[in-house]
Amino acid sequence: MNHPAIARTIPSRPDYGWLKDLLKRRIMSLQAYPRLARMQGWEGIVVVRATIKNDGSLLDAVVTESSGYASLDEDALKLMQRACPIRLQHDLGQSHIEVLIPVHYRLE
């Protein structure tokens, strides 16, 4: 006996990729390599969890993955603070959201 397939609806989560891209571009435009890190040859990636309010302002920023260098980690947090407030392209649909933003430090 064949049973008809039952369609289940899985609630979709809003896609905030546009916000992550916007923040990454803003950070890249503001980023200058920290002097001490450049002199020491330090490189790494810092992942920052940013809580963005519906008005584009920064509610909180925390390092969730360290580069291993305090100066790079601190710089990434300062960059996030300087990058906000940002002009949001879309309504967040809630009071605030959290996004993970990788900040890359590479000497070239």
C-alpha atoms as a PDB file:
ATOM      1  CA  MET A   1       0.000   0.000   0.000  1.00  0.00           C
ATOM      2  CA  ASN A   2       1.481   3.340  -1.049  1.00  0.00           C
ATOM      3  CA  HIS A   3       1.109   6.304   1.223  1.00  0.00           C
ATOM      4  CA  PRO A   4       1.199   9.796  -0.216  1.00  0.00           C
ATOM      5  CA  ALA A   5       4.223  11.820   0.777  1.00  0.00           C
ATOM      6  CA  ILE A   6       3.525  14.224   3.565  1.00  0.00           C
ATOM      7  CA  ALA A   7       5.066  17.620   3.058  1.00  0.00           C
ATOM      8  CA  ARG A   8       6.532  19.086   6.178  1.00  0.00           C
ATOM      9  CA  THR A   9       7.183  22.749   6.457  1.00  0.00           C
ATOM     10  CA  ILE A  10      10.439  23.640   8.103  1.00  0.00           C
ATOM     11  CA  PRO A  11      10.479  27.222   9.292  1.00  0.00           C
ATOM     12  CA  SER A  12      13.127  29.127   7.418  1.00  0.00           C
ATOM     13  CA  ARG A  13      15.624  31.338   9.152  1.00  0.00           C
ATOM     14  CA  PRO A  14      16.208  34.774   7.725  1.00  0.00           C
ATOM     15  CA  ASP A  15      19.365  35.047   5.652  1.00  0.00           C
ATOM     16  CA  TYR A  16      21.611  37.790   6.998  1.00  0.00           C
ATOM     17  CA  GLY A  17      24.423  37.162   4.532  1.00  0.00           C
ATOM     18  CA  TRP A  18      23.905  40.687   3.207  1.00  0.00           C
ATOM     19  CA  LEU A  19      24.654  42.091   6.671  1.00  0.00           C
ATOM     20  CA  LYS A  20      27.802  39.995   7.067  1.00  0.00           C
ATOM     21  CA  ASP A  21      29.004  41.133   3.634  1.00  0.00           C
ATOM     22  CA  LEU A  22      28.250  44.761   4.484  1.00  0.00           C
ATOM     23  CA  LEU A  23      30.186  44.551   7.753  1.00  0.00           C
ATOM     24  CA  LYS A  24      33.135  42.773   6.113  1.00  0.00           C
ATOM     25  CA  ARG A  25      33.386  45.437   3.398  1.00  0.00           C
ATOM     26  CA  ARG A  26      33.139  48.240   5.961  1.00  0.00           C
ATOM     27  CA  ILE A  27      35.848  46.664   8.139  1.00  0.00           C
ATOM     28  CA  MET A  28      38.150  46.150   5.154  1.00  0.00           C
ATOM     29  CA  SER A  29      37.776  49.822   4.228  1.00  0.00           C
ATOM     30  CA  LEU A  30      38.803  50.888   7.753  1.00  0.00           C
ATOM     31  CA  GLN A  31      41.486  48.290   8.443  1.00  0.00           C
ATOM     32  CA  ALA A  32      45.102  49.312   8.937  1.00  0.00           C
ATOM     33  CA  TYR A  33      47.616  46.735  10.133  1.00  0.00           C
ATOM     34  CA  PRO A  34      48.534  47.289  13.800  1.00  0.00           C
ATOM     35  CA  ARG A  35      52.099  48.636  13.945  1.00  0.00           C
ATOM     36  CA  LEU A  36      53.397  46.201  16.581  1.00  0.00           C
ATOM     37  CA  ALA A  37      51.875  43.232  14.757  1.00  0.00           C
ATOM     38  CA  ARG A  38      53.484  44.346  11.493  1.00  0.00           C
ATOM     39  CA  MET A  39      56.891  44.749  13.157  1.00  0.00           C
ATOM     40  CA  GLN A  40      56.629  41.319  14.788  1.00  0.00           C
ATOM     41  CA  GLY A  41      55.313  39.619  11.640  1.00  0.00           C
ATOM     42  CA  TRP A  42      52.092  38.509  13.335  1.00  0.00           C
ATOM     43  CA  GLU A  43      49.275  37.216  11.150  1.00  0.00           C
ATOM     44  CA  GLY A  44      45.996  35.536  11.913  1.00  0.00           C
ATOM     45  CA  ILE A  45      42.232  35.520  11.754  1.00  0.00           C
ATOM     46  CA  VAL A  46      40.057  36.914  14.518  1.00  0.00           C
ATOM     47  CA  VAL A  47      36.395  35.902  14.577  1.00  0.00           C
ATOM     48  CA  VAL A  48      34.190  38.525  16.188  1.00  0.00           C
ATOM     49  CA  ARG A  49      30.599  37.895  17.270  1.00  0.00           C
ATOM     50  CA  ALA A  50      28.846  41.209  16.710  1.00  0.00           C
ATOM     51  CA  THR A  51      25.389  41.981  18.030  1.00  0.00           C
ATOM     52  CA  ILE A  52      23.814  44.517  15.687  1.00  0.00           C
ATOM     53  CA  LYS A  53      20.687  46.451  16.630  1.00  0.00           C
ATOM     54  CA  ASN A  54      17.866  47.140  14.194  1.00  0.00           C
ATOM     55  CA  ASP A  55      19.106  50.739  13.816  1.00  0.00           C
ATOM     56  CA  GLY A  56      22.548  49.540  12.631  1.00  0.00           C
ATOM     57  CA  SER A  57      24.351  50.314  15.871  1.00  0.00           C
ATOM     58  CA  LEU A  58      26.611  47.869  17.674  1.00  0.00           C
ATOM     59  CA  LEU A  59      25.178  46.442  20.885  1.00  0.00           C
ATOM     60  CA  ASP A  60      28.136  44.169  21.680  1.00  0.00           C
ATOM     61  CA  ALA A  61      31.261  42.658  20.141  1.00  0.00           C
ATOM     62  CA  VAL A  62      33.190  39.676  21.497  1.00  0.00           C
ATOM     63  CA  VAL A  63      36.149  37.702  20.150  1.00  0.00           C
ATOM     64  CA  THR A  64      34.944  34.116  19.705  1.00  0.00           C
ATOM     65  CA  GLU A  65      38.113  32.835  17.993  1.00  0.00           C
ATOM     66  CA  SER A  66      41.427  34.450  18.839  1.00  0.00           C
ATOM     67  CA  SER A  67      44.268  34.986  16.405  1.00  0.00           C
ATOM     68  CA  GLY A  68      46.656  34.091  19.201  1.00  0.00           C
ATOM     69  CA  TYR A  69      47.847  37.701  19.406  1.00  0.00           C
ATOM     70  CA  ALA A  70      46.204  40.153  21.801  1.00  0.00           C
ATOM     71  CA  SER A  71      47.011  43.154  19.602  1.00  0.00           C
ATOM     72  CA  LEU A  72      45.217  41.626  16.596  1.00  0.00           C
ATOM     73  CA  ASP A  73      42.237  40.574  18.721  1.00  0.00           C
ATOM     74  CA  GLU A  74      41.936  44.055  20.245  1.00  0.00           C
ATOM     75  CA  ASP A  75      42.271  45.696  16.846  1.00  0.00           C
ATOM     76  CA  ALA A  76      39.452  43.535  15.441  1.00  0.00           C
ATOM     77  CA  LEU A  77      37.146  44.671  18.258  1.00  0.00           C
ATOM     78  CA  LYS A  78      38.078  48.325  17.681  1.00  0.00           C
ATOM     79  CA  LEU A  79      37.425  47.908  13.963  1.00  0.00           C
ATOM     80  CA  MET A  80      33.960  46.527  14.679  1.00  0.00           C
ATOM     81  CA  GLN A  81      33.220  49.505  16.932  1.00  0.00           C
ATOM     82  CA  ARG A  82      34.417  51.943  14.263  1.00  0.00           C
ATOM     83  CA  ALA A  83      32.443  50.168  11.531  1.00  0.00           C
ATOM     84  CA  CYS A  84      29.164  50.820  13.320  1.00  0.00           C
ATOM     85  CA  PRO A  85      26.644  52.247  13.050  1.00  0.00           C
ATOM     86  CA  ILE A  86      26.060  50.998   9.546  1.00  0.00           C
ATOM     87  CA  ARG A  87      23.229  51.812   7.196  1.00  0.00           C
ATOM     88  CA  LEU A  88      21.123  48.675   6.994  1.00  0.00           C
ATOM     89  CA  GLN A  89      19.879  47.692   3.546  1.00  0.00           C
ATOM     90  CA  HIS A  90      16.985  45.692   4.991  1.00  0.00           C
ATOM     91  CA  ASP A  91      14.999  45.571   8.196  1.00  0.00           C
ATOM     92  CA  LEU A  92      16.306  42.935  10.604  1.00  0.00           C
ATOM     93  CA  GLY A  93      12.803  41.876  11.591  1.00  0.00           C
ATOM     94  CA  GLN A  94      13.822  41.841  15.249  1.00  0.00           C
ATOM     95  CA  SER A  95      15.474  44.138  17.788  1.00  0.00           C
ATOM     96  CA  HIS A  96      18.985  42.757  17.172  1.00  0.00           C
ATOM     97  CA  ILE A  97      20.898  39.853  15.670  1.00  0.00           C
ATOM     98  CA  GLU A  98      24.288  38.228  16.149  1.00  0.00           C
ATOM     99  CA  VAL A  99      26.655  37.645  13.249  1.00  0.00           C
ATOM    100  CA  LEU A 100      30.119  36.095  13.145  1.00  0.00           C
ATOM    101  CA  ILE A 101      32.625  38.216  11.258  1.00  0.00           C
ATOM    102  CA  PRO A 102      36.141  36.957  10.458  1.00  0.00           C
ATOM    103  CA  VAL A 103      38.786  39.691  10.397  1.00  0.00           C
ATOM    104  CA  HIS A 104      41.885  38.662   8.427  1.00  0.00           C
ATOM    105  CA  TYR A 105      45.380  39.933   9.169  1.00  0.00           C
ATOM    106  CA  ARG A 106      47.913  39.010   6.482  1.00  0.00           C
ATOM    107  CA  LEU A 107      51.209  40.685   5.737  1.00  0.00           C
ATOM    108  CA  GLU A 108      51.961  41.061   2.051  1.00  0.00           C
END
